[in-house]
Amino acid sequence: TPEIVSRIVHTIKASVDRGAETVQ
């Protein structure tokens, strides 16, 4: 669970940081 949480959190934060680049 900690590994999966870490991967999801990292990916979501990176997505938000990139902003419009990853917006659908």
mmCIF file of all heavy atoms, coordinates in Angstrom:
data_MODEL
# 
_entry.id   MODEL 
# 
loop_
_atom_site.group_PDB 
_atom_site.id 
_atom_site.type_symbol 
_atom_site.label_atom_id 
_atom_site.label_alt_id 
_atom_site.label_comp_id 
_atom_site.label_asym_id 
_atom_site.label_entity_id 
_atom_site.label_seq_id 
_atom_site.pdbx_PDB_ins_code 
_atom_site.Cartn_x 
_atom_site.Cartn_y 
_atom_site.Cartn_z 
_atom_site.occupancy 
_atom_site.B_iso_or_equiv 
_atom_site.pdbx_formal_charge 
_atom_site.auth_seq_id 
_atom_site.auth_comp_id 
_atom_site.auth_asym_id 
_atom_site.auth_atom_id 
_atom_site.pdbx_PDB_model_num 
ATOM 1   N N   . THR A 1 1  ? 0.816  -1.208 0.000   1.00 0.00 ? 1  THR A N   1 
ATOM 2   C CA  . THR A 1 1  ? 0.000  0.000  0.000   1.00 0.00 ? 1  THR A CA  1 
ATOM 3   C C   . THR A 1 1  ? 0.856  1.267  0.000   1.00 0.00 ? 1  THR A C   1 
ATOM 4   O O   . THR A 1 1  ? 0.610  2.181  -0.805  1.00 0.00 ? 1  THR A O   1 
ATOM 5   C CB  . THR A 1 1  ? -0.963 0.006  1.197   1.00 0.00 ? 1  THR A CB  1 
ATOM 6   O OG1 . THR A 1 1  ? -1.830 -1.139 1.101   1.00 0.00 ? 1  THR A OG1 1 
ATOM 7   C CG2 . THR A 1 1  ? -1.800 1.268  1.231   1.00 0.00 ? 1  THR A CG2 1 
ATOM 8   N N   . PRO A 1 2  ? 1.876  1.381  0.872   1.00 0.00 ? 2  PRO A N   1 
ATOM 9   C CA  . PRO A 1 2  ? 2.716  2.596  0.830   1.00 0.00 ? 2  PRO A CA  1 
ATOM 10  C C   . PRO A 1 2  ? 3.361  2.819  -0.533  1.00 0.00 ? 2  PRO A C   1 
ATOM 11  O O   . PRO A 1 2  ? 3.480  3.967  -0.986  1.00 0.00 ? 2  PRO A O   1 
ATOM 12  C CB  . PRO A 1 2  ? 3.760  2.337  1.918   1.00 0.00 ? 2  PRO A CB  1 
ATOM 13  C CG  . PRO A 1 2  ? 3.094  1.397  2.872   1.00 0.00 ? 2  PRO A CG  1 
ATOM 14  C CD  . PRO A 1 2  ? 2.249  0.508  2.007   1.00 0.00 ? 2  PRO A CD  1 
ATOM 15  N N   . GLU A 1 3  ? 3.776  1.738  -1.203  1.00 0.00 ? 3  GLU A N   1 
ATOM 16  C CA  . GLU A 1 3  ? 4.401  1.880  -2.524  1.00 0.00 ? 3  GLU A CA  1 
ATOM 17  C C   . GLU A 1 3  ? 3.398  2.419  -3.537  1.00 0.00 ? 3  GLU A C   1 
ATOM 18  O O   . GLU A 1 3  ? 3.700  3.338  -4.315  1.00 0.00 ? 3  GLU A O   1 
ATOM 19  C CB  . GLU A 1 3  ? 4.929  0.522  -3.002  1.00 0.00 ? 3  GLU A CB  1 
ATOM 20  C CG  . GLU A 1 3  ? 5.528  0.566  -4.396  1.00 0.00 ? 3  GLU A CG  1 
ATOM 21  C CD  . GLU A 1 3  ? 5.893  -0.814 -4.929  1.00 0.00 ? 3  GLU A CD  1 
ATOM 22  O OE1 . GLU A 1 3  ? 5.729  -1.807 -4.199  1.00 0.00 ? 3  GLU A OE1 1 
ATOM 23  O OE2 . GLU A 1 3  ? 6.318  -0.871 -6.103  1.00 0.00 ? 3  GLU A OE2 1 
ATOM 24  N N   . ILE A 1 4  ? 2.185  1.873  -3.530  1.00 0.00 ? 4  ILE A N   1 
ATOM 25  C CA  . ILE A 1 4  ? 1.164  2.318  -4.482  1.00 0.00 ? 4  ILE A CA  1 
ATOM 26  C C   . ILE A 1 4  ? 0.761  3.758  -4.197  1.00 0.00 ? 4  ILE A C   1 
ATOM 27  O O   . ILE A 1 4  ? 0.629  4.579  -5.117  1.00 0.00 ? 4  ILE A O   1 
ATOM 28  C CB  . ILE A 1 4  ? -0.051 1.375  -4.437  1.00 0.00 ? 4  ILE A CB  1 
ATOM 29  C CG1 . ILE A 1 4  ? 0.360  -0.022 -4.916  1.00 0.00 ? 4  ILE A CG1 1 
ATOM 30  C CG2 . ILE A 1 4  ? -1.193 1.915  -5.290  1.00 0.00 ? 4  ILE A CG2 1 
ATOM 31  C CD1 . ILE A 1 4  ? -0.697 -1.081 -4.706  1.00 0.00 ? 4  ILE A CD1 1 
ATOM 32  N N   . VAL A 1 5  ? 0.559  4.080  -2.917  1.00 0.00 ? 5  VAL A N   1 
ATOM 33  C CA  . VAL A 1 5  ? 0.215  5.454  -2.547  1.00 0.00 ? 5  VAL A CA  1 
ATOM 34  C C   . VAL A 1 5  ? 1.290  6.415  -3.028  1.00 0.00 ? 5  VAL A C   1 
ATOM 35  O O   . VAL A 1 5  ? 1.003  7.463  -3.613  1.00 0.00 ? 5  VAL A O   1 
ATOM 36  C CB  . VAL A 1 5  ? 0.019  5.582  -1.016  1.00 0.00 ? 5  VAL A CB  1 
ATOM 37  C CG1 . VAL A 1 5  ? -0.033 7.051  -0.596  1.00 0.00 ? 5  VAL A CG1 1 
ATOM 38  C CG2 . VAL A 1 5  ? -1.253 4.864  -0.579  1.00 0.00 ? 5  VAL A CG2 1 
ATOM 39  N N   . SER A 1 6  ? 2.556  6.068  -2.791  1.00 0.00 ? 6  SER A N   1 
ATOM 40  C CA  . SER A 1 6  ? 3.665  6.931  -3.175  1.00 0.00 ? 6  SER A CA  1 
ATOM 41  C C   . SER A 1 6  ? 3.675  7.193  -4.677  1.00 0.00 ? 6  SER A C   1 
ATOM 42  O O   . SER A 1 6  ? 3.869  8.332  -5.123  1.00 0.00 ? 6  SER A O   1 
ATOM 43  C CB  . SER A 1 6  ? 4.990  6.299  -2.747  1.00 0.00 ? 6  SER A CB  1 
ATOM 44  O OG  . SER A 1 6  ? 6.086  7.070  -3.183  1.00 0.00 ? 6  SER A OG  1 
ATOM 45  N N   . ARG A 1 7  ? 3.441  6.156  -5.472  1.00 0.00 ? 7  ARG A N   1 
ATOM 46  C CA  . ARG A 1 7  ? 3.464  6.309  -6.924  1.00 0.00 ? 7  ARG A CA  1 
ATOM 47  C C   . ARG A 1 7  ? 2.315  7.192  -7.404  1.00 0.00 ? 7  ARG A C   1 
ATOM 48  O O   . ARG A 1 7  ? 2.485  8.034  -8.286  1.00 0.00 ? 7  ARG A O   1 
ATOM 49  C CB  . ARG A 1 7  ? 3.392  4.938  -7.595  1.00 0.00 ? 7  ARG A CB  1 
ATOM 50  C CG  . ARG A 1 7  ? 4.576  4.035  -7.270  1.00 0.00 ? 7  ARG A CG  1 
ATOM 51  C CD  . ARG A 1 7  ? 4.500  2.738  -8.043  1.00 0.00 ? 7  ARG A CD  1 
ATOM 52  N NE  . ARG A 1 7  ? 4.789  2.959  -9.448  1.00 0.00 ? 7  ARG A NE  1 
ATOM 53  C CZ  . ARG A 1 7  ? 4.449  2.103  -10.415 1.00 0.00 ? 7  ARG A CZ  1 
ATOM 54  N NH1 . ARG A 1 7  ? 3.803  1.002  -10.114 1.00 0.00 ? 7  ARG A NH1 1 
ATOM 55  N NH2 . ARG A 1 7  ? 4.762  2.352  -11.661 1.00 0.00 ? 7  ARG A NH2 1 
ATOM 56  N N   . ILE A 1 8  ? 1.121  6.987  -6.811  1.00 0.00 ? 8  ILE A N   1 
ATOM 57  C CA  . ILE A 1 8  ? -0.033 7.792  -7.219  1.00 0.00 ? 8  ILE A CA  1 
ATOM 58  C C   . ILE A 1 8  ? 0.173  9.257  -6.821  1.00 0.00 ? 8  ILE A C   1 
ATOM 59  O O   . ILE A 1 8  ? -0.069 10.173 -7.618  1.00 0.00 ? 8  ILE A O   1 
ATOM 60  C CB  . ILE A 1 8  ? -1.329 7.220  -6.615  1.00 0.00 ? 8  ILE A CB  1 
ATOM 61  C CG1 . ILE A 1 8  ? -1.638 5.844  -7.224  1.00 0.00 ? 8  ILE A CG1 1 
ATOM 62  C CG2 . ILE A 1 8  ? -2.495 8.179  -6.843  1.00 0.00 ? 8  ILE A CG2 1 
ATOM 63  C CD1 . ILE A 1 8  ? -2.818 5.140  -6.589  1.00 0.00 ? 8  ILE A CD1 1 
ATOM 64  N N   . VAL A 1 9  ? 0.621  9.469  -5.588  1.00 0.00 ? 9  VAL A N   1 
ATOM 65  C CA  . VAL A 1 9  ? 0.822  10.834 -5.104  1.00 0.00 ? 9  VAL A CA  1 
ATOM 66  C C   . VAL A 1 9  ? 1.843  11.562 -5.970  1.00 0.00 ? 9  VAL A C   1 
ATOM 67  O O   . VAL A 1 9  ? 1.629  12.707 -6.389  1.00 0.00 ? 9  VAL A O   1 
ATOM 68  C CB  . VAL A 1 9  ? 1.266  10.823 -3.623  1.00 0.00 ? 9  VAL A CB  1 
ATOM 69  C CG1 . VAL A 1 9  ? 1.755  12.204 -3.195  1.00 0.00 ? 9  VAL A CG1 1 
ATOM 70  C CG2 . VAL A 1 9  ? 0.123  10.363 -2.732  1.00 0.00 ? 9  VAL A CG2 1 
ATOM 71  N N   . HIS A 1 10 ? 2.967  10.908 -6.233  1.00 0.00 ? 10 HIS A N   1 
ATOM 72  C CA  . HIS A 1 10 ? 4.017  11.532 -7.050  1.00 0.00 ? 10 HIS A CA  1 
ATOM 73  C C   . HIS A 1 10 ? 3.481  11.897 -8.431  1.00 0.00 ? 10 HIS A C   1 
ATOM 74  O O   . HIS A 1 10 ? 3.739  12.998 -8.951  1.00 0.00 ? 10 HIS A O   1 
ATOM 75  C CB  . HIS A 1 10 ? 5.200  10.568 -7.195  1.00 0.00 ? 10 HIS A CB  1 
ATOM 76  C CG  . HIS A 1 10 ? 6.252  11.044 -8.144  1.00 0.00 ? 10 HIS A CG  1 
ATOM 77  N ND1 . HIS A 1 10 ? 7.190  12.001 -7.817  1.00 0.00 ? 10 HIS A ND1 1 
ATOM 78  C CD2 . HIS A 1 10 ? 6.491  10.714 -9.445  1.00 0.00 ? 10 HIS A CD2 1 
ATOM 79  C CE1 . HIS A 1 10 ? 7.971  12.227 -8.856  1.00 0.00 ? 10 HIS A CE1 1 
ATOM 80  N NE2 . HIS A 1 10 ? 7.568  11.460 -9.855  1.00 0.00 ? 10 HIS A NE2 1 
ATOM 81  N N   . THR A 1 11 ? 2.706  10.985 -9.028  1.00 0.00 ? 11 THR A N   1 
ATOM 82  C CA  . THR A 1 11 ? 2.202  11.207 -10.383 1.00 0.00 ? 11 THR A CA  1 
ATOM 83  C C   . THR A 1 11 ? 1.161  12.321 -10.421 1.00 0.00 ? 11 THR A C   1 
ATOM 84  O O   . THR A 1 11 ? 1.170  13.154 -11.340 1.00 0.00 ? 11 THR A O   1 
ATOM 85  C CB  . THR A 1 11 ? 1.600  9.900  -10.935 1.00 0.00 ? 11 THR A CB  1 
ATOM 86  O OG1 . THR A 1 11 ? 2.580  8.856  -10.833 1.00 0.00 ? 11 THR A OG1 1 
ATOM 87  C CG2 . THR A 1 11 ? 1.204  10.051 -12.383 1.00 0.00 ? 11 THR A CG2 1 
ATOM 88  N N   . ILE A 1 12 ? 0.262  12.340 -9.435  1.00 0.00 ? 12 ILE A N   1 
ATOM 89  C CA  . ILE A 1 12 ? -0.753 13.390 -9.394  1.00 0.00 ? 12 ILE A CA  1 
ATOM 90  C C   . ILE A 1 12 ? -0.093 14.752 -9.195  1.00 0.00 ? 12 ILE A C   1 
ATOM 91  O O   . ILE A 1 12 ? -0.440 15.737 -9.874  1.00 0.00 ? 12 ILE A O   1 
ATOM 92  C CB  . ILE A 1 12 ? -1.768 13.121 -8.265  1.00 0.00 ? 12 ILE A CB  1 
ATOM 93  C CG1 . ILE A 1 12 ? -2.526 11.815 -8.516  1.00 0.00 ? 12 ILE A CG1 1 
ATOM 94  C CG2 . ILE A 1 12 ? -2.738 14.298 -8.118  1.00 0.00 ? 12 ILE A CG2 1 
ATOM 95  C CD1 . ILE A 1 12 ? -3.450 11.827 -9.683  1.00 0.00 ? 12 ILE A CD1 1 
ATOM 96  N N   . LYS A 1 13 ? 0.852  14.838 -8.265  1.00 0.00 ? 13 LYS A N   1 
ATOM 97  C CA  . LYS A 1 13 ? 1.529  16.125 -8.011  1.00 0.00 ? 13 LYS A CA  1 
ATOM 98  C C   . LYS A 1 13 ? 2.268  16.603 -9.256  1.00 0.00 ? 13 LYS A C   1 
ATOM 99  O O   . LYS A 1 13 ? 2.225  17.793 -9.596  1.00 0.00 ? 13 LYS A O   1 
ATOM 100 C CB  . LYS A 1 13 ? 2.493  15.981 -6.840  1.00 0.00 ? 13 LYS A CB  1 
ATOM 101 C CG  . LYS A 1 13 ? 1.795  15.904 -5.480  1.00 0.00 ? 13 LYS A CG  1 
ATOM 102 C CD  . LYS A 1 13 ? 2.814  15.833 -4.347  1.00 0.00 ? 13 LYS A CD  1 
ATOM 103 C CE  . LYS A 1 13 ? 2.123  15.858 -2.990  1.00 0.00 ? 13 LYS A CE  1 
ATOM 104 N NZ  . LYS A 1 13 ? 3.090  15.780 -1.867  1.00 0.00 ? 13 LYS A NZ  1 
ATOM 105 N N   . ALA A 1 14 ? 2.935  15.677 -9.932  1.00 0.00 ? 14 ALA A N   1 
ATOM 106 C CA  . ALA A 1 14 ? 3.658  16.067 -11.146 1.00 0.00 ? 14 ALA A CA  1 
ATOM 107 C C   . ALA A 1 14 ? 2.690  16.544 -12.216 1.00 0.00 ? 14 ALA A C   1 
ATOM 108 O O   . ALA A 1 14 ? 2.978  17.507 -12.948 1.00 0.00 ? 14 ALA A O   1 
ATOM 109 C CB  . ALA A 1 14 ? 4.473  14.886 -11.658 1.00 0.00 ? 14 ALA A CB  1 
ATOM 110 N N   . SER A 1 15 ? 1.531  15.898 -12.298 1.00 0.00 ? 15 SER A N   1 
ATOM 111 C CA  . SER A 1 15 ? 0.524  16.286 -13.281 1.00 0.00 ? 15 SER A CA  1 
ATOM 112 C C   . SER A 1 15 ? 0.012  17.694 -13.016 1.00 0.00 ? 15 SER A C   1 
ATOM 113 O O   . SER A 1 15 ? -0.099 18.518 -13.930 1.00 0.00 ? 15 SER A O   1 
ATOM 114 C CB  . SER A 1 15 ? -0.644 15.296 -13.245 1.00 0.00 ? 15 SER A CB  1 
ATOM 115 O OG  . SER A 1 15 ? -1.700 15.713 -14.071 1.00 0.00 ? 15 SER A OG  1 
ATOM 116 N N   . VAL A 1 16 ? -0.287 17.998 -11.758 1.00 0.00 ? 16 VAL A N   1 
ATOM 117 C CA  . VAL A 1 16 ? -0.773 19.329 -11.405 1.00 0.00 ? 16 VAL A CA  1 
ATOM 118 C C   . VAL A 1 16 ? 0.314  20.374 -11.642 1.00 0.00 ? 16 VAL A C   1 
ATOM 119 O O   . VAL A 1 16 ? 0.041  21.477 -12.132 1.00 0.00 ? 16 VAL A O   1 
ATOM 120 C CB  . VAL A 1 16 ? -1.261 19.362 -9.942  1.00 0.00 ? 16 VAL A CB  1 
ATOM 121 C CG1 . VAL A 1 16 ? -1.614 20.785 -9.514  1.00 0.00 ? 16 VAL A CG1 1 
ATOM 122 C CG2 . VAL A 1 16 ? -2.466 18.443 -9.762  1.00 0.00 ? 16 VAL A CG2 1 
ATOM 123 N N   . ASP A 1 17 ? 1.564  20.032 -11.319 1.00 0.00 ? 17 ASP A N   1 
ATOM 124 C CA  . ASP A 1 17 ? 2.672  20.963 -11.512 1.00 0.00 ? 17 ASP A CA  1 
ATOM 125 C C   . ASP A 1 17 ? 2.845  21.330 -12.979 1.00 0.00 ? 17 ASP A C   1 
ATOM 126 O O   . ASP A 1 17 ? 3.202  22.471 -13.312 1.00 0.00 ? 17 ASP A O   1 
ATOM 127 C CB  . ASP A 1 17 ? 3.972  20.376 -10.968 1.00 0.00 ? 17 ASP A CB  1 
ATOM 128 C CG  . ASP A 1 17 ? 3.998  20.327 -9.448  1.00 0.00 ? 17 ASP A CG  1 
ATOM 129 O OD1 . ASP A 1 17 ? 3.173  21.017 -8.824  1.00 0.00 ? 17 ASP A OD1 1 
ATOM 130 O OD2 . ASP A 1 17 ? 4.834  19.584 -8.902  1.00 0.00 ? 17 ASP A OD2 1 
ATOM 131 N N   . ARG A 1 18 ? 2.599  20.351 -13.863 1.00 0.00 ? 18 ARG A N   1 
ATOM 132 C CA  . ARG A 1 18 ? 2.747  20.621 -15.299 1.00 0.00 ? 18 ARG A CA  1 
ATOM 133 C C   . ARG A 1 18 ? 1.596  21.459 -15.843 1.00 0.00 ? 18 ARG A C   1 
ATOM 134 O O   . ARG A 1 18 ? 1.700  22.027 -16.924 1.00 0.00 ? 18 ARG A O   1 
ATOM 135 C CB  . ARG A 1 18 ? 2.848  19.302 -16.084 1.00 0.00 ? 18 ARG A CB  1 
ATOM 136 C CG  . ARG A 1 18 ? 4.165  18.588 -15.897 1.00 0.00 ? 18 ARG A CG  1 
ATOM 137 C CD  . ARG A 1 18 ? 4.358  17.508 -16.953 1.00 0.00 ? 18 ARG A CD  1 
ATOM 138 N NE  . ARG A 1 18 ? 3.325  16.491 -16.880 1.00 0.00 ? 18 ARG A NE  1 
ATOM 139 C CZ  . ARG A 1 18 ? 3.413  15.381 -16.147 1.00 0.00 ? 18 ARG A CZ  1 
ATOM 140 N NH1 . ARG A 1 18 ? 4.491  15.169 -15.397 1.00 0.00 ? 18 ARG A NH1 1 
ATOM 141 N NH2 . ARG A 1 18 ? 2.445  14.496 -16.142 1.00 0.00 ? 18 ARG A NH2 1 
ATOM 142 N N   . GLY A 1 19 ? 0.497  21.481 -15.082 1.00 0.00 ? 19 GLY A N   1 
ATOM 143 C CA  . GLY A 1 19 ? -0.626 22.336 -15.444 1.00 0.00 ? 19 GLY A CA  1 
ATOM 144 C C   . GLY A 1 19 ? -1.297 21.957 -16.733 1.00 0.00 ? 19 GLY A C   1 
ATOM 145 O O   . GLY A 1 19 ? -1.642 20.801 -16.971 1.00 0.00 ? 19 GLY A O   1 
ATOM 146 N N   . ALA A 1 20 ? -1.458 22.921 -17.602 1.00 0.00 ? 20 ALA A N   1 
ATOM 147 C CA  . ALA A 1 20 ? -2.260 22.742 -18.809 1.00 0.00 ? 20 ALA A CA  1 
ATOM 148 C C   . ALA A 1 20 ? -1.714 21.652 -19.730 1.00 0.00 ? 20 ALA A C   1 
ATOM 149 O O   . ALA A 1 20 ? -2.437 21.119 -20.556 1.00 0.00 ? 20 ALA A O   1 
ATOM 150 C CB  . ALA A 1 20 ? -2.339 24.057 -19.578 1.00 0.00 ? 20 ALA A CB  1 
ATOM 151 N N   . GLU A 1 21 ? -0.443 21.315 -19.563 1.00 0.00 ? 21 GLU A N   1 
ATOM 152 C CA  . GLU A 1 21 ? 0.160  20.300 -20.441 1.00 0.00 ? 21 GLU A CA  1 
ATOM 153 C C   . GLU A 1 21 ? -0.571 18.973 -20.359 1.00 0.00 ? 21 GLU A C   1 
ATOM 154 O O   . GLU A 1 21 ? -0.664 18.235 -21.326 1.00 0.00 ? 21 GLU A O   1 
ATOM 155 C CB  . GLU A 1 21 ? 1.629  20.113 -20.057 1.00 0.00 ? 21 GLU A CB  1 
ATOM 156 C CG  . GLU A 1 21 ? 2.357  19.059 -20.881 1.00 0.00 ? 21 GLU A CG  1 
ATOM 157 C CD  . GLU A 1 21 ? 3.762  18.819 -20.381 1.00 0.00 ? 21 GLU A CD  1 
ATOM 158 O OE1 . GLU A 1 21 ? 4.314  19.731 -19.737 1.00 0.00 ? 21 GLU A OE1 1 
ATOM 159 O OE2 . GLU A 1 21 ? 4.297  17.738 -20.634 1.00 0.00 ? 21 GLU A OE2 1 
ATOM 160 N N   . THR A 1 22 ? -1.118 18.622 -19.158 1.00 0.00 ? 22 THR A N   1 
ATOM 161 C CA  . THR A 1 22 ? -1.769 17.325 -18.992 1.00 0.00 ? 22 THR A CA  1 
ATOM 162 C C   . THR A 1 22 ? -3.269 17.442 -18.854 1.00 0.00 ? 22 THR A C   1 
ATOM 163 O O   . THR A 1 22 ? -3.937 16.455 -18.616 1.00 0.00 ? 22 THR A O   1 
ATOM 164 C CB  . THR A 1 22 ? -1.224 16.636 -17.724 1.00 0.00 ? 22 THR A CB  1 
ATOM 165 O OG1 . THR A 1 22 ? -1.455 17.493 -16.595 1.00 0.00 ? 22 THR A OG1 1 
ATOM 166 C CG2 . THR A 1 22 ? 0.241  16.337 -17.853 1.00 0.00 ? 22 THR A CG2 1 
ATOM 167 N N   . VAL A 1 23 ? -3.821 18.633 -19.018 1.00 0.00 ? 23 VAL A N   1 
ATOM 168 C CA  . VAL A 1 23 ? -5.266 18.802 -18.907 1.00 0.00 ? 23 VAL A CA  1 
ATOM 169 C C   . VAL A 1 23 ? -5.930 18.229 -20.147 1.00 0.00 ? 23 VAL A C   1 
ATOM 170 O O   . VAL A 1 23 ? -5.480 18.441 -21.267 1.00 0.00 ? 23 VAL A O   1 
ATOM 171 C CB  . VAL A 1 23 ? -5.634 20.290 -18.725 1.00 0.00 ? 23 VAL A CB  1 
ATOM 172 C CG1 . VAL A 1 23 ? -7.144 20.481 -18.770 1.00 0.00 ? 23 VAL A CG1 1 
ATOM 173 C CG2 . VAL A 1 23 ? -5.086 20.798 -17.401 1.00 0.00 ? 23 VAL A CG2 1 
ATOM 174 N N   . GLN A 1 24 ? -7.036 17.478 -19.945 1.00 0.00 ? 24 GLN A N   1 
ATOM 175 C CA  . GLN A 1 24 ? -7.728 16.860 -21.065 1.00 0.00 ? 24 GLN A CA  1 
ATOM 176 C C   . GLN A 1 24 ? -8.375 17.907 -21.971 1.00 0.00 ? 24 GLN A C   1 
ATOM 177 O O   . GLN A 1 24 ? -8.881 18.915 -21.522 1.00 0.00 ? 24 GLN A O   1 
ATOM 178 C CB  . GLN A 1 24 ? -8.778 15.850 -20.615 1.00 0.00 ? 24 GLN A CB  1 
ATOM 179 C CG  . GLN A 1 24 ? -9.554 16.217 -19.381 1.00 0.00 ? 24 GLN A CG  1 
ATOM 180 C CD  . GLN A 1 24 ? -8.688 16.139 -18.163 1.00 0.00 ? 24 GLN A CD  1 
ATOM 181 O OE1 . GLN A 1 24 ? -7.929 15.197 -17.968 1.00 0.00 ? 24 GLN A OE1 1 
ATOM 182 N NE2 . GLN A 1 24 ? -8.783 17.136 -17.329 1.00 0.00 ? 24 GLN A NE2 1 
# 
